[in-house]
């Protein structure tokens, strides 16, 4: 999967490419839900923009060459 996070002014905040999606892996511990082997952690620093961030994820099935785009927004405030 590829992930792009956009900051409130629309500029790209971060990009992550070729992250491995969960496949043929053991179930995550402690009854947690995991959709990928890789993950991102979002930590805001004091000088970063407050407001609505948007995250776009494109998941690619390399066997069928199919893609799905997922989007989610989240609000960051003090």
PDB file of N, CA and C in Angstrom:
ATOM      1  N   UNK A   1       0.839  -1.170   0.000  1.00  0.00           N
ATOM      2  CA  UNK A   1       0.000   0.000   0.000  1.00  0.00           C
ATOM      3  C   UNK A   1       0.881   1.230   0.000  1.00  0.00           C
ATOM      4  N   UNK A   2       0.328   2.307  -0.500  1.00  0.00           N
ATOM      5  CA  UNK A   2       0.989   3.600  -0.492  1.00  0.00           C
ATOM      6  C   UNK A   2       0.114   4.555   0.318  1.00  0.00           C
ATOM      7  N   UNK A   3       0.739   5.381   1.136  1.00  0.00           N
ATOM      8  CA  UNK A   3       0.004   6.316   1.995  1.00  0.00           C
ATOM      9  C   UNK A   3       0.531   7.725   1.771  1.00  0.00           C
ATOM     10  N   UNK A   4      -0.399   8.666   1.638  1.00  0.00           N
ATOM     11  CA  UNK A   4      -0.052  10.082   1.610  1.00  0.00           C
ATOM     12  C   UNK A   4      -0.906  10.783   2.657  1.00  0.00           C
ATOM     13  N   UNK A   5      -0.253  11.629   3.459  1.00  0.00           N
ATOM     14  CA  UNK A   5      -0.955  12.424   4.464  1.00  0.00           C
ATOM     15  C   UNK A   5      -0.814  13.890   4.063  1.00  0.00           C
ATOM     16  N   UNK A   6      -1.956  14.579   4.004  1.00  0.00           N
ATOM     17  CA  UNK A   6      -1.987  15.992   3.635  1.00  0.00           C
ATOM     18  C   UNK A   6      -2.279  16.833   4.868  1.00  0.00           C
ATOM     19  N   UNK A   7      -1.519  17.898   5.050  1.00  0.00           N
ATOM     20  CA  UNK A   7      -1.748  18.802   6.174  1.00  0.00           C
ATOM     21  C   UNK A   7      -2.900  19.741   5.829  1.00  0.00           C
ATOM     22  N   UNK A   8      -3.399  20.525   6.798  1.00  0.00           N
ATOM     23  CA  UNK A   8      -4.578  21.360   6.579  1.00  0.00           C
ATOM     24  C   UNK A   8      -4.474  22.335   5.402  1.00  0.00           C
ATOM     25  N   UNK A   9      -3.276  22.791   5.050  1.00  0.00           N
ATOM     26  CA  UNK A   9      -3.140  23.719   3.918  1.00  0.00           C
ATOM     27  C   UNK A   9      -3.094  22.990   2.575  1.00  0.00           C
ATOM     28  N   UNK A  10      -3.232  21.649   2.566  1.00  0.00           N
ATOM     29  CA  UNK A  10      -3.272  20.864   1.341  1.00  0.00           C
ATOM     30  C   UNK A  10      -1.935  20.339   0.879  1.00  0.00           C
ATOM     31  N   UNK A  11      -0.849  20.793   1.486  1.00  0.00           N
ATOM     32  CA  UNK A  11       0.476  20.293   1.120  1.00  0.00           C
ATOM     33  C   UNK A  11       0.690  18.905   1.714  1.00  0.00           C
ATOM     34  N   UNK A  12       1.550  18.119   1.059  1.00  0.00           N
ATOM     35  CA  UNK A  12       1.830  16.774   1.556  1.00  0.00           C
ATOM     36  C   UNK A  12       2.649  16.863   2.836  1.00  0.00           C
ATOM     37  N   UNK A  13       2.155  16.203   3.870  1.00  0.00           N
ATOM     38  CA  UNK A  13       2.825  16.154   5.173  1.00  0.00           C
ATOM     39  C   UNK A  13       3.822  14.988   5.209  1.00  0.00           C
ATOM     40  N   UNK A  14       3.406  13.824   4.656  1.00  0.00           N
ATOM     41  CA  UNK A  14       4.262  12.635   4.662  1.00  0.00           C
ATOM     42  C   UNK A  14       3.812  11.680   3.569  1.00  0.00           C
ATOM     43  N   UNK A  15       4.761  10.863   3.070  1.00  0.00           N
ATOM     44  CA  UNK A  15       4.477   9.843   2.062  1.00  0.00           C
ATOM     45  C   UNK A  15       5.159   8.545   2.478  1.00  0.00           C
ATOM     46  N   UNK A  16       4.461   7.458   2.278  1.00  0.00           N
ATOM     47  CA  UNK A  16       5.001   6.128   2.560  1.00  0.00           C
ATOM     48  C   UNK A  16       4.644   5.239   1.376  1.00  0.00           C
ATOM     49  N   UNK A  17       5.646   4.578   0.797  1.00  0.00           N
ATOM     50  CA  UNK A  17       5.409   3.756  -0.380  1.00  0.00           C
ATOM     51  C   UNK A  17       5.776   2.303  -0.115  1.00  0.00           C
ATOM     52  N   UNK A  18       5.105   1.423  -0.850  1.00  0.00           N
ATOM     53  CA  UNK A  18       5.405  -0.016  -0.848  1.00  0.00           C
ATOM     54  C   UNK A  18       5.361  -0.633   0.544  1.00  0.00           C
ATOM     55  N   UNK A  19       4.363  -0.246   1.331  1.00  0.00           N
ATOM     56  CA  UNK A  19       4.187  -0.842   2.654  1.00  0.00           C
ATOM     57  C   UNK A  19       3.460  -2.182   2.490  1.00  0.00           C
ATOM     58  N   UNK A  20       3.862  -3.164   3.261  1.00  0.00           N
ATOM     59  CA  UNK A  20       3.293  -4.504   3.134  1.00  0.00           C
ATOM     60  C   UNK A  20       1.943  -4.605   3.830  1.00  0.00           C
ATOM     61  N   UNK A  21       0.945  -5.057   3.084  1.00  0.00           N
ATOM     62  CA  UNK A  21      -0.388  -5.316   3.650  1.00  0.00           C
ATOM     63  C   UNK A  21      -0.386  -6.741   4.196  1.00  0.00           C
ATOM     64  N   UNK A  22      -1.169  -6.961   5.244  1.00  0.00           N
ATOM     65  CA  UNK A  22      -1.211  -8.255   5.921  1.00  0.00           C
ATOM     66  C   UNK A  22      -1.594  -9.362   4.946  1.00  0.00           C
ATOM     67  N   UNK A  23      -0.781 -10.388   4.867  1.00  0.00           N
ATOM     68  CA  UNK A  23      -1.089 -11.548   4.039  1.00  0.00           C
ATOM     69  C   UNK A  23      -0.260 -12.733   4.484  1.00  0.00           C
ATOM     70  N   UNK A  24      -0.930 -13.835   4.767  1.00  0.00           N
ATOM     71  CA  UNK A  24      -0.249 -15.058   5.207  1.00  0.00           C
ATOM     72  C   UNK A  24       0.619 -14.826   6.441  1.00  0.00           C
ATOM     73  N   UNK A  25       0.113 -14.038   7.363  1.00  0.00           N
ATOM     74  CA  UNK A  25       0.820 -13.737   8.614  1.00  0.00           C
ATOM     75  C   UNK A  25      -0.028 -14.227   9.790  1.00  0.00           C
ATOM     76  N   UNK A  26       0.586 -14.469  10.939  1.00  0.00           N
ATOM     77  CA  UNK A  26      -0.199 -14.874  12.113  1.00  0.00           C
ATOM     78  C   UNK A  26      -1.095 -13.745  12.601  1.00  0.00           C
ATOM     79  N   UNK A  27      -2.121 -14.104  13.345  1.00  0.00           N
ATOM     80  CA  UNK A  27      -3.054 -13.129  13.911  1.00  0.00           C
ATOM     81  C   UNK A  27      -2.301 -12.235  14.897  1.00  0.00           C
ATOM     82  N   UNK A  28      -2.579 -10.923  14.882  1.00  0.00           N
ATOM     83  CA  UNK A  28      -1.909 -10.020  15.828  1.00  0.00           C
ATOM     84  C   UNK A  28      -2.215 -10.402  17.275  1.00  0.00           C
ATOM     85  N   UNK A  29      -1.297 -10.123  18.202  1.00  0.00           N
ATOM     86  CA  UNK A  29      -1.496 -10.484  19.612  1.00  0.00           C
ATOM     87  C   UNK A  29      -2.535  -9.604  20.296  1.00  0.00           C
ATOM     88  N   UNK A  30      -2.994 -10.042  21.446  1.00  0.00           N
ATOM     89  CA  UNK A  30      -3.864  -9.276  22.350  1.00  0.00           C
ATOM     90  C   UNK A  30      -5.192  -8.854  21.727  1.00  0.00           C
ATOM     91  N   UNK A  31      -5.755  -9.701  20.872  1.00  0.00           N
ATOM     92  CA  UNK A  31      -7.043  -9.410  20.248  1.00  0.00           C
ATOM     93  C   UNK A  31      -7.066  -8.085  19.500  1.00  0.00           C
ATOM     94  N   UNK A  32      -5.919  -7.638  18.992  1.00  0.00           N
ATOM     95  CA  UNK A  32      -5.873  -6.391  18.243  1.00  0.00           C
ATOM     96  C   UNK A  32      -6.213  -6.663  16.777  1.00  0.00           C
ATOM     97  N   UNK A  33      -6.575  -5.613  16.077  1.00  0.00           N
ATOM     98  CA  UNK A  33      -6.900  -5.713  14.663  1.00  0.00           C
ATOM     99  C   UNK A  33      -5.743  -5.143  13.871  1.00  0.00           C
ATOM    100  N   UNK A  34      -5.225  -5.896  12.941  1.00  0.00           N
ATOM    101  CA  UNK A  34      -4.131  -5.411  12.114  1.00  0.00           C
ATOM    102  C   UNK A  34      -4.425  -5.661  10.661  1.00  0.00           C
ATOM    103  N   UNK A  35      -4.289  -4.626   9.832  1.00  0.00           N
ATOM    104  CA  UNK A  35      -4.528  -4.775   8.409  1.00  0.00           C
ATOM    105  C   UNK A  35      -3.241  -4.765   7.598  1.00  0.00           C
ATOM    106  N   UNK A  36      -2.142  -4.470   8.277  1.00  0.00           N
ATOM    107  CA  UNK A  36      -0.871  -4.456   7.566  1.00  0.00           C
ATOM    108  C   UNK A  36       0.266  -4.803   8.508  1.00  0.00           C
ATOM    109  N   UNK A  37       1.340  -5.256   7.915  1.00  0.00           N
ATOM    110  CA  UNK A  37       2.547  -5.534   8.679  1.00  0.00           C
ATOM    111  C   UNK A  37       3.173  -4.206   9.096  1.00  0.00           C
ATOM    112  N   UNK A  38       3.257  -3.272   8.142  1.00  0.00           N
ATOM    113  CA  UNK A  38       3.816  -1.947   8.408  1.00  0.00           C
ATOM    114  C   UNK A  38       2.756  -1.047   9.032  1.00  0.00           C
ATOM    115  N   UNK A  39       3.199  -0.029   9.715  1.00  0.00           N
ATOM    116  CA  UNK A  39       2.270   0.923  10.295  1.00  0.00           C
ATOM    117  C   UNK A  39       2.951   2.285  10.372  1.00  0.00           C
ATOM    118  N   UNK A  40       2.143   3.310  10.588  1.00  0.00           N
ATOM    119  CA  UNK A  40       2.684   4.650  10.780  1.00  0.00           C
ATOM    120  C   UNK A  40       2.223   5.157  12.136  1.00  0.00           C
ATOM    121  N   UNK A  41       3.015   6.024  12.688  1.00  0.00           N
ATOM    122  CA  UNK A  41       2.672   6.666  13.958  1.00  0.00           C
ATOM    123  C   UNK A  41       2.657   8.159  13.696  1.00  0.00           C
ATOM    124  N   UNK A  42       1.583   8.809  14.092  1.00  0.00           N
ATOM    125  CA  UNK A  42       1.401  10.235  13.843  1.00  0.00           C
ATOM    126  C   UNK A  42       1.602  10.976  15.159  1.00  0.00           C
ATOM    127  N   UNK A  43       2.695  11.726  15.261  1.00  0.00           N
ATOM    128  CA  UNK A  43       3.003  12.494  16.471  1.00  0.00           C
ATOM    129  C   UNK A  43       3.143  13.955  16.070  1.00  0.00           C
ATOM    130  N   UNK A  44       2.308  14.802  16.622  1.00  0.00           N
ATOM    131  CA  UNK A  44       2.340  16.218  16.294  1.00  0.00           C
ATOM    132  C   UNK A  44       3.365  16.941  17.160  1.00  0.00           C
ATOM    133  N   UNK A  45       4.133  17.792  16.506  1.00  0.00           N
ATOM    134  CA  UNK A  45       5.067  18.662  17.205  1.00  0.00           C
ATOM    135  C   UNK A  45       4.391  20.016  17.406  1.00  0.00           C
ATOM    136  N   UNK A  46       4.878  20.790  18.353  1.00  0.00           N
ATOM    137  CA  UNK A  46       4.239  22.064  18.722  1.00  0.00           C
ATOM    138  C   UNK A  46       4.165  23.059  17.567  1.00  0.00           C
ATOM    139  N   UNK A  47       5.099  23.011  16.636  1.00  0.00           N
ATOM    140  CA  UNK A  47       5.137  23.992  15.546  1.00  0.00           C
ATOM    141  C   UNK A  47       4.368  23.550  14.302  1.00  0.00           C
ATOM    142  N   UNK A  48       3.689  22.412  14.342  1.00  0.00           N
ATOM    143  CA  UNK A  48       2.974  21.923  13.170  1.00  0.00           C
ATOM    144  C   UNK A  48       1.547  22.457  13.126  1.00  0.00           C
ATOM    145  N   UNK A  49       0.943  22.408  11.938  1.00  0.00           N
ATOM    146  CA  UNK A  49      -0.379  22.986  11.708  1.00  0.00           C
ATOM    147  C   UNK A  49      -1.476  22.253  12.472  1.00  0.00           C
ATOM    148  N   UNK A  50      -2.378  23.024  13.023  1.00  0.00           N
ATOM    149  CA  UNK A  50      -3.578  22.479  13.637  1.00  0.00           C
ATOM    150  C   UNK A  50      -4.672  22.487  12.573  1.00  0.00           C
ATOM    151  N   UNK A  51      -5.590  21.558  12.651  1.00  0.00           N
ATOM    152  CA  UNK A  51      -6.694  21.513  11.705  1.00  0.00           C
ATOM    153  C   UNK A  51      -6.928  20.107  11.193  1.00  0.00           C
ATOM    154  N   UNK A  52      -7.562  20.025  10.028  1.00  0.00           N
ATOM    155  CA  UNK A  52      -7.955  18.735   9.472  1.00  0.00           C
ATOM    156  C   UNK A  52      -6.867  18.202   8.535  1.00  0.00           C
ATOM    157  N   UNK A  53      -6.386  17.020   8.856  1.00  0.00           N
ATOM    158  CA  UNK A  53      -5.418  16.298   8.034  1.00  0.00           C
ATOM    159  C   UNK A  53      -6.179  15.217   7.265  1.00  0.00           C
ATOM    160  N   UNK A  54      -5.744  14.952   6.041  1.00  0.00           N
ATOM    161  CA  UNK A  54      -6.373  13.920   5.218  1.00  0.00           C
ATOM    162  C   UNK A  54      -5.340  12.850   4.905  1.00  0.00           C
ATOM    163  N   UNK A  55      -5.760  11.602   4.977  1.00  0.00           N
ATOM    164  CA  UNK A  55      -4.881  10.486   4.667  1.00  0.00           C
ATOM    165  C   UNK A  55      -5.505   9.680   3.536  1.00  0.00           C
ATOM    166  N   UNK A  56      -4.750   9.486   2.447  1.00  0.00           N
ATOM    167  CA  UNK A  56      -5.162   8.645   1.327  1.00  0.00           C
ATOM    168  C   UNK A  56      -4.294   7.406   1.314  1.00  0.00           C
ATOM    169  N   UNK A  57      -4.939   6.252   1.178  1.00  0.00           N
ATOM    170  CA  UNK A  57      -4.232   4.975   1.109  1.00  0.00           C
ATOM    171  C   UNK A  57      -4.651   4.271  -0.173  1.00  0.00           C
ATOM    172  N   UNK A  58      -3.694   3.828  -0.936  1.00  0.00           N
ATOM    173  CA  UNK A  58      -3.983   3.020  -2.124  1.00  0.00           C
ATOM    174  C   UNK A  58      -3.409   1.631  -1.871  1.00  0.00           C
ATOM    175  N   UNK A  59      -4.308   0.652  -1.824  1.00  0.00           N
ATOM    176  CA  UNK A  59      -3.931  -0.739  -1.607  1.00  0.00           C
ATOM    177  C   UNK A  59      -3.957  -1.433  -2.959  1.00  0.00           C
ATOM    178  N   UNK A  60      -2.858  -2.100  -3.304  1.00  0.00           N
ATOM    179  CA  UNK A  60      -2.751  -2.771  -4.596  1.00  0.00           C
ATOM    180  C   UNK A  60      -2.660  -4.276  -4.398  1.00  0.00           C
ATOM    181  N   UNK A  61      -3.517  -4.996  -5.106  1.00  0.00           N
ATOM    182  CA  UNK A  61      -3.455  -6.457  -5.160  1.00  0.00           C
ATOM    183  C   UNK A  61      -2.591  -6.800  -6.369  1.00  0.00           C
ATOM    184  N   UNK A  62      -1.375  -7.245  -6.137  1.00  0.00           N
ATOM    185  CA  UNK A  62      -0.447  -7.505  -7.232  1.00  0.00           C
ATOM    186  C   UNK A  62      -0.768  -8.786  -8.000  1.00  0.00           C
ATOM    187  N   UNK A  63      -1.629  -9.650  -7.454  1.00  0.00           N
ATOM    188  CA  UNK A  63      -2.018 -10.868  -8.168  1.00  0.00           C
ATOM    189  C   UNK A  63      -3.055 -10.558  -9.241  1.00  0.00           C
ATOM    190  N   UNK A  64      -4.042  -9.716  -8.886  1.00  0.00           N
ATOM    191  CA  UNK A  64      -5.101  -9.359  -9.835  1.00  0.00           C
ATOM    192  C   UNK A  64      -4.905  -7.967 -10.429  1.00  0.00           C
ATOM    193  N   UNK A  65      -3.854  -7.267  -9.999  1.00  0.00           N
ATOM    194  CA  UNK A  65      -3.568  -5.904 -10.444  1.00  0.00           C
ATOM    195  C   UNK A  65      -4.768  -4.981 -10.229  1.00  0.00           C
ATOM    196  N   UNK A  66      -5.408  -5.128  -9.081  1.00  0.00           N
ATOM    197  CA  UNK A  66      -6.540  -4.279  -8.710  1.00  0.00           C
ATOM    198  C   UNK A  66      -6.099  -3.345  -7.602  1.00  0.00           C
ATOM    199  N   UNK A  67      -6.702  -2.162  -7.582  1.00  0.00           N
ATOM    200  CA  UNK A  67      -6.375  -1.159  -6.566  1.00  0.00           C
ATOM    201  C   UNK A  67      -7.656  -0.662  -5.909  1.00  0.00           C
ATOM    202  N   UNK A  68      -7.525  -0.301  -4.650  1.00  0.00           N
ATOM    203  CA  UNK A  68      -8.626   0.335  -3.931  1.00  0.00           C
ATOM    204  C   UNK A  68      -8.050   1.540  -3.209  1.00  0.00           C
ATOM    205  N   UNK A  69      -8.783   2.646  -3.269  1.00  0.00           N
ATOM    206  CA  UNK A  69      -8.348   3.867  -2.602  1.00  0.00           C
ATOM    207  C   UNK A  69      -9.228   4.090  -1.376  1.00  0.00           C
ATOM    208  N   UNK A  70      -8.584   4.329  -0.252  1.00  0.00           N
ATOM    209  CA  UNK A  70      -9.266   4.613   0.998  1.00  0.00           C
ATOM    210  C   UNK A  70      -8.832   5.991   1.472  1.00  0.00           C
ATOM    211  N   UNK A  71      -9.757   6.763   2.027  1.00  0.00           N
ATOM    212  CA  UNK A  71      -9.439   8.089   2.536  1.00  0.00           C
ATOM    213  C   UNK A  71     -10.053   8.269   3.916  1.00  0.00           C
ATOM    214  N   UNK A  72      -9.336   9.009   4.738  1.00  0.00           N
ATOM    215  CA  UNK A  72      -9.823   9.320   6.086  1.00  0.00           C
ATOM    216  C   UNK A  72      -9.269  10.684   6.486  1.00  0.00           C
ATOM    217  N   UNK A  73     -10.087  11.458   7.155  1.00  0.00           N
ATOM    218  CA  UNK A  73      -9.648  12.755   7.683  1.00  0.00           C
ATOM    219  C   UNK A  73      -9.671  12.691   9.200  1.00  0.00           C
ATOM    220  N   UNK A  74      -8.783  13.460   9.800  1.00  0.00           N
ATOM    221  CA  UNK A  74      -8.777  13.553  11.259  1.00  0.00           C
ATOM    222  C   UNK A  74      -8.381  14.970  11.651  1.00  0.00           C
ATOM    223  N   UNK A  75      -8.920  15.408  12.770  1.00  0.00           N
ATOM    224  CA  UNK A  75      -8.732  16.769  13.234  1.00  0.00           C
ATOM    225  C   UNK A  75      -7.657  16.810  14.321  1.00  0.00           C
ATOM    226  N   UNK A  76      -6.685  17.681  14.143  1.00  0.00           N
ATOM    227  CA  UNK A  76      -5.619  17.861  15.118  1.00  0.00           C
ATOM    228  C   UNK A  76      -5.780  19.237  15.737  1.00  0.00           C
ATOM    229  N   UNK A  77      -5.879  19.275  17.046  1.00  0.00           N
ATOM    230  CA  UNK A  77      -6.052  20.546  17.745  1.00  0.00           C
ATOM    231  C   UNK A  77      -5.370  20.494  19.105  1.00  0.00           C
ATOM    232  N   UNK A  78      -5.165  21.665  19.676  1.00  0.00           N
ATOM    233  CA  UNK A  78      -4.507  21.754  20.988  1.00  0.00           C
ATOM    234  C   UNK A  78      -5.485  21.483  22.102  1.00  0.00           C
TER     235      UNK A  78
END
